[in-house]
Amino acid sequence: MYVCICNALNEGRVREVVANGCETVGEVYRACGAYPQCGKCSCTIVDMLRAHRGGNEPAALAAD
């Protein structure tokens, strides 16, 4: 599944960079060599970050 259509980032790639230590949406973009464009994927990336960390992360994950 594509997480970010603008940058052609799929779920597997996002999970990979999150597992390798990315903790914010900005870090995910940078690790993927991408830049935020429309921003619609940010919520999905935040959800993936929270799920990876056990679902108890603060809302500040989106801040960067």
N, C-alpha and C. Protein backbone atom coordinates (compact mmCIF):
# COMPACT_ATOMS: atom_id res chain seq x y z
N MET A 1 0.84 -1.17 0.00
CA MET A 1 0.00 0.00 0.00
C MET A 1 0.89 1.25 0.00
N TYR A 2 0.48 2.23 -0.79
CA TYR A 2 1.20 3.50 -0.78
C TYR A 2 0.77 4.33 0.41
N VAL A 3 1.74 4.86 1.12
CA VAL A 3 1.49 5.76 2.24
C VAL A 3 1.51 7.19 1.71
N CYS A 4 2.42 7.46 0.82
CA CYS A 4 2.57 8.80 0.24
C CYS A 4 2.61 8.68 -1.28
N ILE A 5 1.53 9.10 -1.91
CA ILE A 5 1.45 9.04 -3.36
C ILE A 5 2.44 10.04 -3.99
N CYS A 6 2.53 11.24 -3.42
CA CYS A 6 3.39 12.29 -3.99
C CYS A 6 4.85 11.83 -4.12
N ASN A 7 5.32 11.06 -3.15
CA ASN A 7 6.71 10.60 -3.13
C ASN A 7 6.85 9.12 -3.43
N ALA A 8 5.75 8.46 -3.75
CA ALA A 8 5.74 7.02 -4.04
C ALA A 8 6.36 6.21 -2.90
N LEU A 9 6.03 6.59 -1.66
CA LEU A 9 6.52 5.85 -0.49
C LEU A 9 5.50 4.80 -0.12
N ASN A 10 5.95 3.57 -0.06
CA ASN A 10 5.01 2.50 0.32
C ASN A 10 5.16 2.16 1.80
N GLU A 11 4.21 1.41 2.27
CA GLU A 11 4.15 1.04 3.68
C GLU A 11 5.41 0.31 4.13
N GLY A 12 5.91 -0.58 3.30
CA GLY A 12 7.11 -1.34 3.65
C GLY A 12 8.32 -0.45 3.87
N ARG A 13 8.48 0.55 3.01
CA ARG A 13 9.63 1.46 3.13
C ARG A 13 9.51 2.31 4.40
N VAL A 14 8.30 2.79 4.68
CA VAL A 14 8.11 3.60 5.89
C VAL A 14 8.37 2.75 7.13
N ARG A 15 7.85 1.53 7.15
CA ARG A 15 8.09 0.65 8.30
C ARG A 15 9.58 0.38 8.48
N GLU A 16 10.29 0.22 7.37
CA GLU A 16 11.73 -0.04 7.43
C GLU A 16 12.48 1.11 8.09
N VAL A 17 12.21 2.35 7.68
CA VAL A 17 12.94 3.47 8.26
C VAL A 17 12.51 3.73 9.71
N VAL A 18 11.26 3.44 10.03
CA VAL A 18 10.80 3.57 11.42
C VAL A 18 11.52 2.54 12.29
N ALA A 19 11.64 1.32 11.79
CA ALA A 19 12.33 0.27 12.53
C ALA A 19 13.81 0.59 12.71
N ASN A 20 14.35 1.39 11.79
CA ASN A 20 15.76 1.78 11.86
C ASN A 20 15.99 3.03 12.69
N GLY A 21 14.94 3.53 13.36
CA GLY A 21 15.14 4.61 14.31
C GLY A 21 14.47 5.93 14.04
N CYS A 22 13.81 6.10 12.93
CA CYS A 22 13.12 7.37 12.68
C CYS A 22 12.01 7.54 13.70
N GLU A 23 11.90 8.75 14.25
CA GLU A 23 10.93 8.99 15.32
C GLU A 23 9.95 10.10 15.00
N THR A 24 10.14 10.81 13.90
CA THR A 24 9.22 11.88 13.51
C THR A 24 8.90 11.75 12.02
N VAL A 25 7.85 12.45 11.62
CA VAL A 25 7.48 12.45 10.21
C VAL A 25 8.63 13.01 9.36
N GLY A 26 9.24 14.08 9.83
CA GLY A 26 10.36 14.67 9.10
C GLY A 26 11.53 13.72 8.93
N GLU A 27 11.82 12.97 9.98
CA GLU A 27 12.90 11.98 9.88
C GLU A 27 12.56 10.89 8.87
N VAL A 28 11.30 10.49 8.84
CA VAL A 28 10.87 9.48 7.86
C VAL A 28 11.08 10.01 6.45
N TYR A 29 10.63 11.23 6.18
CA TYR A 29 10.84 11.82 4.85
C TYR A 29 12.31 11.85 4.48
N ARG A 30 13.13 12.37 5.40
CA ARG A 30 14.57 12.49 5.11
C ARG A 30 15.20 11.13 4.86
N ALA A 31 14.86 10.14 5.67
CA ALA A 31 15.43 8.80 5.51
C ALA A 31 15.04 8.18 4.18
N CYS A 32 13.89 8.58 3.66
CA CYS A 32 13.41 8.06 2.38
C CYS A 32 13.88 8.92 1.21
N GLY A 33 14.59 10.00 1.50
CA GLY A 33 15.04 10.90 0.45
C GLY A 33 13.89 11.66 -0.18
N ALA A 34 12.88 11.95 0.62
CA ALA A 34 11.67 12.61 0.11
C ALA A 34 11.42 13.92 0.86
N TYR A 35 10.50 14.69 0.33
CA TYR A 35 10.09 15.95 0.94
C TYR A 35 8.57 15.99 1.02
N PRO A 36 8.02 16.54 2.10
CA PRO A 36 6.57 16.65 2.19
C PRO A 36 6.05 17.52 1.05
N GLN A 37 4.95 17.09 0.47
CA GLN A 37 4.36 17.88 -0.60
C GLN A 37 2.94 18.28 -0.21
N CYS A 38 1.98 17.40 -0.38
CA CYS A 38 0.60 17.78 -0.03
C CYS A 38 0.32 17.62 1.46
N GLY A 39 1.07 16.74 2.14
CA GLY A 39 0.93 16.55 3.58
C GLY A 39 -0.15 15.58 4.03
N LYS A 40 -0.91 15.03 3.11
CA LYS A 40 -1.99 14.12 3.49
C LYS A 40 -1.49 12.83 4.14
N CYS A 41 -0.27 12.45 3.87
CA CYS A 41 0.27 11.21 4.42
C CYS A 41 0.78 11.37 5.85
N SER A 42 0.94 12.58 6.32
CA SER A 42 1.51 12.81 7.65
C SER A 42 0.77 12.07 8.75
N CYS A 43 -0.56 12.09 8.69
CA CYS A 43 -1.35 11.40 9.72
C CYS A 43 -1.10 9.90 9.69
N THR A 44 -0.98 9.34 8.50
CA THR A 44 -0.72 7.91 8.38
C THR A 44 0.66 7.57 8.93
N ILE A 45 1.64 8.41 8.62
CA ILE A 45 3.00 8.18 9.13
C ILE A 45 3.02 8.29 10.64
N VAL A 46 2.33 9.27 11.20
CA VAL A 46 2.25 9.41 12.66
C VAL A 46 1.63 8.15 13.26
N ASP A 47 0.56 7.65 12.65
CA ASP A 47 -0.07 6.42 13.15
C ASP A 47 0.91 5.25 13.11
N MET A 48 1.71 5.16 12.05
CA MET A 48 2.69 4.08 11.94
C MET A 48 3.78 4.23 12.99
N LEU A 49 4.20 5.45 13.25
CA LEU A 49 5.20 5.70 14.30
C LEU A 49 4.66 5.30 15.66
N ARG A 50 3.44 5.68 15.95
CA ARG A 50 2.82 5.34 17.23
C ARG A 50 2.67 3.82 17.37
N ALA A 51 2.23 3.16 16.33
CA ALA A 51 2.06 1.71 16.38
C ALA A 51 3.40 1.02 16.64
N HIS A 52 4.44 1.53 16.02
CA HIS A 52 5.77 0.93 16.21
C HIS A 52 6.25 1.10 17.65
N ARG A 53 5.89 2.22 18.27
CA ARG A 53 6.33 2.51 19.63
C ARG A 53 5.36 2.01 20.68
N GLY A 54 4.35 1.28 20.27
CA GLY A 54 3.41 0.71 21.22
C GLY A 54 2.15 1.51 21.41
N GLY A 55 1.93 2.54 20.60
CA GLY A 55 0.70 3.28 20.63
C GLY A 55 0.57 4.33 21.72
N ASN A 56 1.62 4.58 22.49
CA ASN A 56 1.53 5.52 23.60
C ASN A 56 2.40 6.75 23.40
N GLU A 57 2.64 7.12 22.17
CA GLU A 57 3.50 8.27 21.90
C GLU A 57 2.75 9.58 21.95
N PRO A 58 3.40 10.65 22.34
CA PRO A 58 2.76 11.96 22.37
C PRO A 58 2.49 12.48 20.96
N ALA A 59 1.60 13.45 20.87
CA ALA A 59 1.23 14.04 19.59
C ALA A 59 2.40 14.77 18.93
N ALA A 60 3.46 15.03 19.66
CA ALA A 60 4.61 15.76 19.14
C ALA A 60 5.35 15.00 18.05
N LEU A 61 4.99 13.78 17.76
CA LEU A 61 5.65 13.04 16.70
C LEU A 61 5.57 13.77 15.38
N ALA A 62 4.49 14.49 15.17
CA ALA A 62 4.32 15.19 13.90
C ALA A 62 5.18 16.43 13.81
N ALA A 63 5.58 16.96 14.95
CA ALA A 63 6.42 18.16 14.96
C ALA A 63 7.84 17.81 14.59
N ASP A 64 8.46 18.74 13.89
CA ASP A 64 9.84 18.47 13.48
C ASP A 64 10.60 19.73 13.28
